[in-house]
C-alpha atoms as a PDB file:
ATOM      1  CA  MET A   1       0.154  -0.002  -0.013  1.00  0.00           C
ATOM      2  CA  ALA A   2       1.227   3.211  -1.243  1.00  0.00           C
ATOM      3  CA  GLU A   3       2.141   5.982   1.607  1.00  0.00           C
ATOM      4  CA  GLN A   4      -0.039   9.047   1.127  1.00  0.00           C
ATOM      5  CA  PRO A   5       1.886  12.386   1.041  1.00  0.00           C
ATOM      6  CA  ARG A   6       1.486  14.495   3.847  1.00  0.00           C
ATOM      7  CA  GLU A   7      -0.272  17.941   3.203  1.00  0.00           C
ATOM      8  CA  GLU A   8      -0.192  20.997   5.031  1.00  0.00           C
ATOM      9  CA  ALA A   9      -1.906  20.626   8.574  1.00  0.00           C
ATOM     10  CA  ASN A  10      -3.178  22.846  11.307  1.00  0.00           C
ATOM     11  CA  PRO A  11      -0.817  23.554  13.993  1.00  0.00           C
ATOM     12  CA  VAL A  12      -0.802  21.176  16.634  1.00  0.00           C
ATOM     13  CA  MET A  13       0.960  20.861  20.398  1.00  0.00           C
ATOM     14  CA  ARG A  14       3.271  18.227  20.985  1.00  0.00           C
ATOM     15  CA  SER A  15       0.775  16.216  22.982  1.00  0.00           C
ATOM     16  CA  ALA A  16      -1.495  15.967  20.370  1.00  0.00           C
ATOM     17  CA  ALA A  17       0.963  15.482  17.124  1.00  0.00           C
ATOM     18  CA  LYS A  18       1.332  12.333  15.431  1.00  0.00           C
ATOM     19  CA  PRO A  19       4.607  10.695  16.424  1.00  0.00           C
ATOM     20  CA  GLU A  20       5.688  10.770  12.384  1.00  0.00           C
ATOM     21  CA  ASP A  21       4.787  14.553  12.488  1.00  0.00           C
ATOM     22  CA  VAL A  22       6.933  15.093  15.606  1.00  0.00           C
ATOM     23  CA  ALA A  23       9.831  13.200  14.108  1.00  0.00           C
ATOM     24  CA  SER A  24       9.334  15.283  10.769  1.00  0.00           C
ATOM     25  CA  TYR A  25       9.326  18.376  12.654  1.00  0.00           C
ATOM     26  CA  VAL A  26      12.485  17.617  14.485  1.00  0.00           C
ATOM     27  CA  ASP A  27      14.129  16.648  11.123  1.00  0.00           C
ATOM     28  CA  VAL A  28      13.249  19.556   9.408  1.00  0.00           C
ATOM     29  CA  SER A  29      14.764  21.716  12.243  1.00  0.00           C
ATOM     30  CA  PHE A  30      17.921  19.987  12.683  1.00  0.00           C
ATOM     31  CA  THR A  31      18.413  19.953   8.981  1.00  0.00           C
ATOM     32  CA  THR A  32      17.806  23.751   8.982  1.00  0.00           C
ATOM     33  CA  VAL A  33      20.312  24.399  12.035  1.00  0.00           C
ATOM     34  CA  SER A  34      23.007  22.027  10.178  1.00  0.00           C
ATOM     35  CA  GLY A  35      22.510  24.205   7.148  1.00  0.00           C
ATOM     36  CA  ILE A  36      22.865  27.495   9.012  1.00  0.00           C
ATOM     37  CA  ASP A  37      25.909  26.027  10.543  1.00  0.00           C
ATOM     38  CA  ARG A  38      27.512  25.032   7.252  1.00  0.00           C
ATOM     39  CA  ALA A  39      26.653  28.701   6.068  1.00  0.00           C
ATOM     40  CA  ILE A  40      28.266  30.171   9.143  1.00  0.00           C
ATOM     41  CA  CYS A  41      31.300  28.011   8.273  1.00  0.00           C
ATOM     42  CA  ILE A  42      31.384  29.271   4.916  1.00  0.00           C
ATOM     43  CA  LEU A  43      30.795  32.849   5.730  1.00  0.00           C
ATOM     44  CA  THR A  44      33.946  32.373   8.343  1.00  0.00           C
ATOM     45  CA  GLY A  45      36.117  31.032   5.464  1.00  0.00           C
ATOM     46  CA  ARG A  46      35.212  33.955   3.250  1.00  0.00           C
ATOM     47  CA  LYS A  47      35.667  36.469   5.993  1.00  0.00           C
ATOM     48  CA  ASN A  48      39.067  35.206   6.693  1.00  0.00           C
ATOM     49  CA  SER A  49      40.236  34.746   3.072  1.00  0.00           C
ATOM     50  CA  PRO A  50      42.564  37.608   2.031  1.00  0.00           C
ATOM     51  CA  ASP A  51      40.879  37.748  -1.405  1.00  0.00           C
ATOM     52  CA  THR A  52      37.216  38.629  -0.293  1.00  0.00           C
ATOM     53  CA  PRO A  53      36.397  42.475  -1.511  1.00  0.00           C
ATOM     54  CA  ALA A  54      35.562  44.665   1.205  1.00  0.00           C
ATOM     55  CA  ASP A  55      31.793  44.859  -0.053  1.00  0.00           C
ATOM     56  CA  GLU A  56      31.524  41.248   0.934  1.00  0.00           C
ATOM     57  CA  LEU A  57      33.241  41.588   4.126  1.00  0.00           C
ATOM     58  CA  ARG A  58      30.690  44.108   5.082  1.00  0.00           C
ATOM     59  CA  MET A  59      28.147  41.982   4.104  1.00  0.00           C
ATOM     60  CA  ILE A  60      29.469  39.020   6.147  1.00  0.00           C
ATOM     61  CA  GLU A  61      29.328  40.931   9.076  1.00  0.00           C
ATOM     62  CA  TYR A  62      25.904  41.539   9.148  1.00  0.00           C
ATOM     63  CA  GLU A  63      24.810  38.239   7.997  1.00  0.00           C
ATOM     64  CA  TYR A  64      27.065  36.426  10.261  1.00  0.00           C
ATOM     65  CA  GLY A  65      24.816  37.872  13.162  1.00  0.00           C
ATOM     66  CA  ASP A  66      21.678  37.032  11.163  1.00  0.00           C
ATOM     67  CA  GLN A  67      22.323  33.357  10.757  1.00  0.00           C
ATOM     68  CA  ILE A  68      23.200  33.070  14.270  1.00  0.00           C
ATOM     69  CA  ALA A  69      19.860  34.822  15.336  1.00  0.00           C
ATOM     70  CA  LYS A  70      18.164  32.353  12.632  1.00  0.00           C
ATOM     71  CA  LYS A  71      19.963  29.297  14.316  1.00  0.00           C
ATOM     72  CA  ALA A  72      18.936  30.298  17.901  1.00  0.00           C
ATOM     73  CA  ARG A  73      15.208  31.017  16.811  1.00  0.00           C
ATOM     74  CA  VAL A  74      14.864  27.496  15.192  1.00  0.00           C
ATOM     75  CA  PHE A  75      16.293  25.969  18.400  1.00  0.00           C
ATOM     76  CA  ALA A  76      13.904  28.233  20.601  1.00  0.00           C
ATOM     77  CA  GLN A  77      10.973  27.229  18.864  1.00  0.00           C
ATOM     78  CA  MET A  78      11.599  23.683  18.825  1.00  0.00           C
ATOM     79  CA  ASN A  79      12.235  23.383  22.569  1.00  0.00           C
ATOM     80  CA  ALA A  80       9.039  25.313  23.094  1.00  0.00           C
ATOM     81  CA  PHE A  81       7.195  22.617  21.010  1.00  0.00           C
ATOM     82  CA  MET A  82       8.990  19.911  22.524  1.00  0.00           C
ATOM     83  CA  ALA A  83       8.117  21.210  26.246  1.00  0.00           C
ATOM     84  CA  ASN A  84       4.441  21.524  24.980  1.00  0.00           C
ATOM     85  CA  GLN A  85       4.359  25.460  25.012  1.00  0.00           C
ATOM     86  CA  ARG A  86       3.941  25.916  21.415  1.00  0.00           C
ATOM     87  CA  THR A  87       2.429  24.583  18.472  1.00  0.00           C
ATOM     88  CA  MET A  88       4.027  23.868  15.014  1.00  0.00           C
ATOM     89  CA  ARG A  89       2.775  22.738  11.642  1.00  0.00           C
ATOM     90  CA  PRO A  90       3.833  19.378  10.561  1.00  0.00           C
ATOM     91  CA  PRO A  91       6.103  19.801   7.595  1.00  0.00           C
ATOM     92  CA  THR A  92       4.850  18.374   4.324  1.00  0.00           C
ATOM     93  CA  ASP A  93       6.773  15.898   2.415  1.00  0.00           C
ATOM     94  CA  GLU A  94       7.667  18.851  -0.058  1.00  0.00           C
ATOM     95  CA  MET A  95       9.108  20.722   2.745  1.00  0.00           C
ATOM     96  CA  ILE A  96      11.526  17.862   4.097  1.00  0.00           C
ATOM     97  CA  ALA A  97      12.651  16.900   0.538  1.00  0.00           C
ATOM     98  CA  SER A  98      13.274  21.107  -0.100  1.00  0.00           C
ATOM     99  CA  ALA A  99      15.150  21.117   3.199  1.00  0.00           C
ATOM    100  CA  LYS A 100      17.136  18.155   2.584  1.00  0.00           C
ATOM    101  CA  LYS A 101      18.133  19.316  -1.214  1.00  0.00           C
ATOM    102  CA  LEU A 102      19.382  22.815   0.049  1.00  0.00           C
ATOM    103  CA  ALA A 103      21.275  21.480   2.733  1.00  0.00           C
ATOM    104  CA  LYS A 104      23.120  19.383   0.417  1.00  0.00           C
ATOM    105  CA  VAL A 105      23.493  22.506  -1.772  1.00  0.00           C
ATOM    106  CA  LEU A 106      25.014  24.089   1.280  1.00  0.00           C
ATOM    107  CA  ASP A 107      27.502  20.949   1.621  1.00  0.00           C
ATOM    108  CA  GLY A 108      28.521  21.631  -1.923  1.00  0.00           C
ATOM    109  CA  MET A 109      29.463  25.127  -1.424  1.00  0.00           C
ATOM    110  CA  ILE A 110      31.931  24.410   1.306  1.00  0.00           C
ATOM    111  CA  ALA A 111      34.480  23.169  -1.323  1.00  0.00           C
ATOM    112  CA  ALA A 112      33.717  25.785  -3.940  1.00  0.00           C
ATOM    113  CA  ASN A 113      34.797  29.122  -4.168  1.00  0.00           C
ATOM    114  CA  ILE A 114      31.488  30.662  -3.937  1.00  0.00           C
ATOM    115  CA  THR A 115      30.512  34.422  -2.824  1.00  0.00           C
ATOM    116  CA  ALA A 116      28.780  34.712   0.800  1.00  0.00           C
ATOM    117  CA  SER A 117      26.039  36.248  -0.813  1.00  0.00           C
ATOM    118  CA  GLN A 118      25.218  32.655  -2.725  1.00  0.00           C
ATOM    119  CA  VAL A 119      25.412  31.108   0.865  1.00  0.00           C
ATOM    120  CA  VAL A 120      23.040  33.827   2.479  1.00  0.00           C
ATOM    121  CA  VAL A 121      20.363  33.121  -0.208  1.00  0.00           C
ATOM    122  CA  THR A 122      20.498  29.458   0.035  1.00  0.00           C
ATOM    123  CA  SER A 123      20.652  29.553   3.728  1.00  0.00           C
ATOM    124  CA  THR A 124      17.752  31.932   3.811  1.00  0.00           C
ATOM    125  CA  GLN A 125      15.562  29.729   1.457  1.00  0.00           C
ATOM    126  CA  LEU A 126      16.111  27.052   4.064  1.00  0.00           C
ATOM    127  CA  PHE A 127      15.217  29.027   6.777  1.00  0.00           C
ATOM    128  CA  LYS A 128      12.110  29.901   5.160  1.00  0.00           C
ATOM    129  CA  ILE A 129      11.134  26.209   4.532  1.00  0.00           C
ATOM    130  CA  TRP A 130      11.274  25.646   8.332  1.00  0.00           C
ATOM    131  CA  GLN A 131       9.428  28.956   8.881  1.00  0.00           C
ATOM    132  CA  LYS A 132       6.277  27.357   7.460  1.00  0.00           C
ATOM    133  CA  THR A 133       6.135  24.967  10.545  1.00  0.00           C
ATOM    134  CA  GLU A 134       5.951  28.085  12.847  1.00  0.00           C
ATOM    135  CA  ALA A 135       2.705  28.567  14.639  1.00  0.00           C
ATOM    136  CA  GLN A 136       1.217  30.375  17.680  1.00  0.00           C
ATOM    137  CA  VAL A 137       2.251  30.295  21.221  1.00  0.00           C
ATOM    138  CA  VAL A 138      -0.556  28.958  23.039  1.00  0.00           C
ATOM    139  CA  PRO A 139      -2.414  31.860  24.946  1.00  0.00           C
ATOM    140  CA  GLY A 140      -2.879  30.994  28.614  1.00  0.00           C
ATOM    141  CA  TYR A 141      -1.479  27.739  28.465  1.00  0.00           C
ATOM    142  CA  SER A 142       0.467  26.541  31.104  1.00  0.00           C
ATOM    143  CA  THR A 143       2.393  23.024  31.596  1.00  0.00           C
ATOM    144  CA  SER A 144       1.802  23.060  35.473  1.00  0.00           C
ATOM    145  CA  SER A 145      -1.018  20.943  36.446  1.00  0.00           C
END
């Protein structure tokens, strides 16, 4: 029997989420964090290269901090979801596949001599896929009994 592809779903708390949706969310979250880490690594390499133009160095200074902020946001949202304090939208099969593909693109960029802007564009695309899983904080929700 063929498995049905996941479609866009309503936000759910961890306590109400299907185990496969939780696993997919964690997978997309860690794929995003790993991709951002790769981007930070590449930006650091470009920053330390004597061949990097001054314009690119200025852009790297800004983008480096932005990448760190995005990584922190993914971790914070994922931790809040795992603590049952925030909902998430289960990622679709298309989102999962796209995230994996972008992570592989970033892997390929490590060995290539590419500009920081190319890295940032790819990392931002990966982050935007993860953003589609964001949902609301549950108002008035408390984890205490």
